[in-house]
């Protein structure tokens, strides 16, 4: 009643699972560089106020590259722009 499988290589689950588990763990080991090394360290941020009153962080490079709409903005026009009557929602 015994099956003799001489000469055949039998791959069963007990042999396959350790190999499969080790391949699935390889991405968690990671590389020699960490995430802080990949991100540029000289990025500086500026805090700005949006129209709806929220404070957001913006990269300084984006602020320097942005288009200036009105350089001589008066206080009255700024308050008009910040007025909550013009809701976007």
C-alpha atoms as a PDB file:
ATOM      1  CA  UNK A   1       0.000   0.000   0.000  1.00  0.00           C
ATOM      2  CA  UNK A   2       2.971   2.288   0.262  1.00  0.00           C
ATOM      3  CA  UNK A   3       3.757   4.455  -2.687  1.00  0.00           C
ATOM      4  CA  UNK A   4       7.430   4.415  -3.417  1.00  0.00           C
ATOM      5  CA  UNK A   5       8.458   7.656  -5.072  1.00  0.00           C
ATOM      6  CA  UNK A   6      12.116   7.086  -5.413  1.00  0.00           C
ATOM      7  CA  UNK A   7      13.875   9.441  -7.787  1.00  0.00           C
ATOM      8  CA  UNK A   8      11.069  12.040  -7.782  1.00  0.00           C
ATOM      9  CA  UNK A   9      11.482  15.297  -5.925  1.00  0.00           C
ATOM     10  CA  UNK A  10       8.368  15.904  -3.900  1.00  0.00           C
ATOM     11  CA  UNK A  11       7.592  19.493  -2.939  1.00  0.00           C
ATOM     12  CA  UNK A  12       5.112  19.556  -0.114  1.00  0.00           C
ATOM     13  CA  UNK A  13       3.699  22.366   1.969  1.00  0.00           C
ATOM     14  CA  UNK A  14       6.175  21.956   4.794  1.00  0.00           C
ATOM     15  CA  UNK A  15       9.053  22.670   2.446  1.00  0.00           C
ATOM     16  CA  UNK A  16       7.286  25.368   0.447  1.00  0.00           C
ATOM     17  CA  UNK A  17       5.931  27.552   3.275  1.00  0.00           C
ATOM     18  CA  UNK A  18       9.314  28.633   4.739  1.00  0.00           C
ATOM     19  CA  UNK A  19      10.506  29.731   1.309  1.00  0.00           C
ATOM     20  CA  UNK A  20       7.273  31.568   0.607  1.00  0.00           C
ATOM     21  CA  UNK A  21       7.370  33.268   4.009  1.00  0.00           C
ATOM     22  CA  UNK A  22      10.939  34.423   3.534  1.00  0.00           C
ATOM     23  CA  UNK A  23      10.096  35.965   0.156  1.00  0.00           C
ATOM     24  CA  UNK A  24       7.138  37.799   1.667  1.00  0.00           C
ATOM     25  CA  UNK A  25       9.328  39.231   4.452  1.00  0.00           C
ATOM     26  CA  UNK A  26      11.974  40.666   2.114  1.00  0.00           C
ATOM     27  CA  UNK A  27      10.208  44.050   1.595  1.00  0.00           C
ATOM     28  CA  UNK A  28      10.043  44.588   5.361  1.00  0.00           C
ATOM     29  CA  UNK A  29      13.797  44.207   5.785  1.00  0.00           C
ATOM     30  CA  UNK A  30      14.344  47.429   3.853  1.00  0.00           C
ATOM     31  CA  UNK A  31      17.319  48.941   2.170  1.00  0.00           C
ATOM     32  CA  UNK A  32      20.350  50.751   3.530  1.00  0.00           C
ATOM     33  CA  UNK A  33      18.776  54.176   2.941  1.00  0.00           C
ATOM     34  CA  UNK A  34      16.032  55.351   5.230  1.00  0.00           C
ATOM     35  CA  UNK A  35      13.117  57.562   4.220  1.00  0.00           C
ATOM     36  CA  UNK A  36      14.741  60.640   5.743  1.00  0.00           C
ATOM     37  CA  UNK A  37      17.765  60.156   3.494  1.00  0.00           C
ATOM     38  CA  UNK A  38      15.593  59.978   0.390  1.00  0.00           C
ATOM     39  CA  UNK A  39      13.670  63.206   1.129  1.00  0.00           C
ATOM     40  CA  UNK A  40      15.654  66.348   0.457  1.00  0.00           C
ATOM     41  CA  UNK A  41      16.748  67.800   3.814  1.00  0.00           C
ATOM     42  CA  UNK A  42      16.865  71.424   2.617  1.00  0.00           C
ATOM     43  CA  UNK A  43      13.131  71.723   2.026  1.00  0.00           C
ATOM     44  CA  UNK A  44      11.760  74.575   4.071  1.00  0.00           C
ATOM     45  CA  UNK A  45       8.094  75.340   4.565  1.00  0.00           C
ATOM     46  CA  UNK A  46       6.136  78.530   5.085  1.00  0.00           C
ATOM     47  CA  UNK A  47       2.783  78.751   6.833  1.00  0.00           C
ATOM     48  CA  UNK A  48       0.108  80.585   4.907  1.00  0.00           C
ATOM     49  CA  UNK A  49      -3.521  81.512   5.433  1.00  0.00           C
ATOM     50  CA  UNK A  50      -6.158  80.351   2.943  1.00  0.00           C
ATOM     51  CA  UNK A  51      -9.327  82.201   2.052  1.00  0.00           C
ATOM     52  CA  UNK A  52     -11.490  80.120   4.372  1.00  0.00           C
ATOM     53  CA  UNK A  53      -9.166  80.799   7.326  1.00  0.00           C
ATOM     54  CA  UNK A  54      -7.205  77.552   7.426  1.00  0.00           C
ATOM     55  CA  UNK A  55      -3.472  77.548   8.024  1.00  0.00           C
ATOM     56  CA  UNK A  56      -1.498  75.409   5.569  1.00  0.00           C
ATOM     57  CA  UNK A  57       2.182  74.565   5.110  1.00  0.00           C
ATOM     58  CA  UNK A  58       3.587  75.333   1.664  1.00  0.00           C
ATOM     59  CA  UNK A  59       7.070  74.647   0.314  1.00  0.00           C
ATOM     60  CA  UNK A  60       9.159  77.788  -0.012  1.00  0.00           C
ATOM     61  CA  UNK A  61      10.155  76.819  -3.545  1.00  0.00           C
ATOM     62  CA  UNK A  62       6.476  76.815  -4.589  1.00  0.00           C
ATOM     63  CA  UNK A  63       5.968  80.248  -3.028  1.00  0.00           C
ATOM     64  CA  UNK A  64       9.004  81.649  -4.833  1.00  0.00           C
ATOM     65  CA  UNK A  65       7.864  80.188  -8.171  1.00  0.00           C
ATOM     66  CA  UNK A  66       4.262  81.373  -7.797  1.00  0.00           C
ATOM     67  CA  UNK A  67       2.642  84.129  -9.819  1.00  0.00           C
ATOM     68  CA  UNK A  68       1.956  87.387  -7.944  1.00  0.00           C
ATOM     69  CA  UNK A  69      -1.519  88.664  -8.772  1.00  0.00           C
ATOM     70  CA  UNK A  70      -1.456  91.991  -6.946  1.00  0.00           C
ATOM     71  CA  UNK A  71       1.626  93.244  -5.156  1.00  0.00           C
ATOM     72  CA  UNK A  72       0.027  96.436  -3.793  1.00  0.00           C
ATOM     73  CA  UNK A  73      -2.951  94.899  -1.969  1.00  0.00           C
ATOM     74  CA  UNK A  74      -4.902  97.315   0.196  1.00  0.00           C
ATOM     75  CA  UNK A  75      -6.345  96.438   3.581  1.00  0.00           C
ATOM     76  CA  UNK A  76      -9.903  96.931   2.304  1.00  0.00           C
ATOM     77  CA  UNK A  77      -9.440  94.507  -0.588  1.00  0.00           C
ATOM     78  CA  UNK A  78      -7.785  91.963   1.725  1.00  0.00           C
ATOM     79  CA  UNK A  79     -10.738  92.108   4.123  1.00  0.00           C
ATOM     80  CA  UNK A  80     -13.103  91.799   1.172  1.00  0.00           C
ATOM     81  CA  UNK A  81     -11.199  88.723  -0.004  1.00  0.00           C
ATOM     82  CA  UNK A  82     -11.296  87.189   3.486  1.00  0.00           C
ATOM     83  CA  UNK A  83     -15.008  87.875   3.924  1.00  0.00           C
ATOM     84  CA  UNK A  84     -16.930  84.695   4.712  1.00  0.00           C
ATOM     85  CA  UNK A  85     -19.924  85.655   2.543  1.00  0.00           C
ATOM     86  CA  UNK A  86     -18.235  84.245  -0.553  1.00  0.00           C
ATOM     87  CA  UNK A  87     -18.404  80.595   0.472  1.00  0.00           C
ATOM     88  CA  UNK A  88     -17.257  77.973  -1.983  1.00  0.00           C
ATOM     89  CA  UNK A  89     -19.492  75.237  -0.598  1.00  0.00           C
END
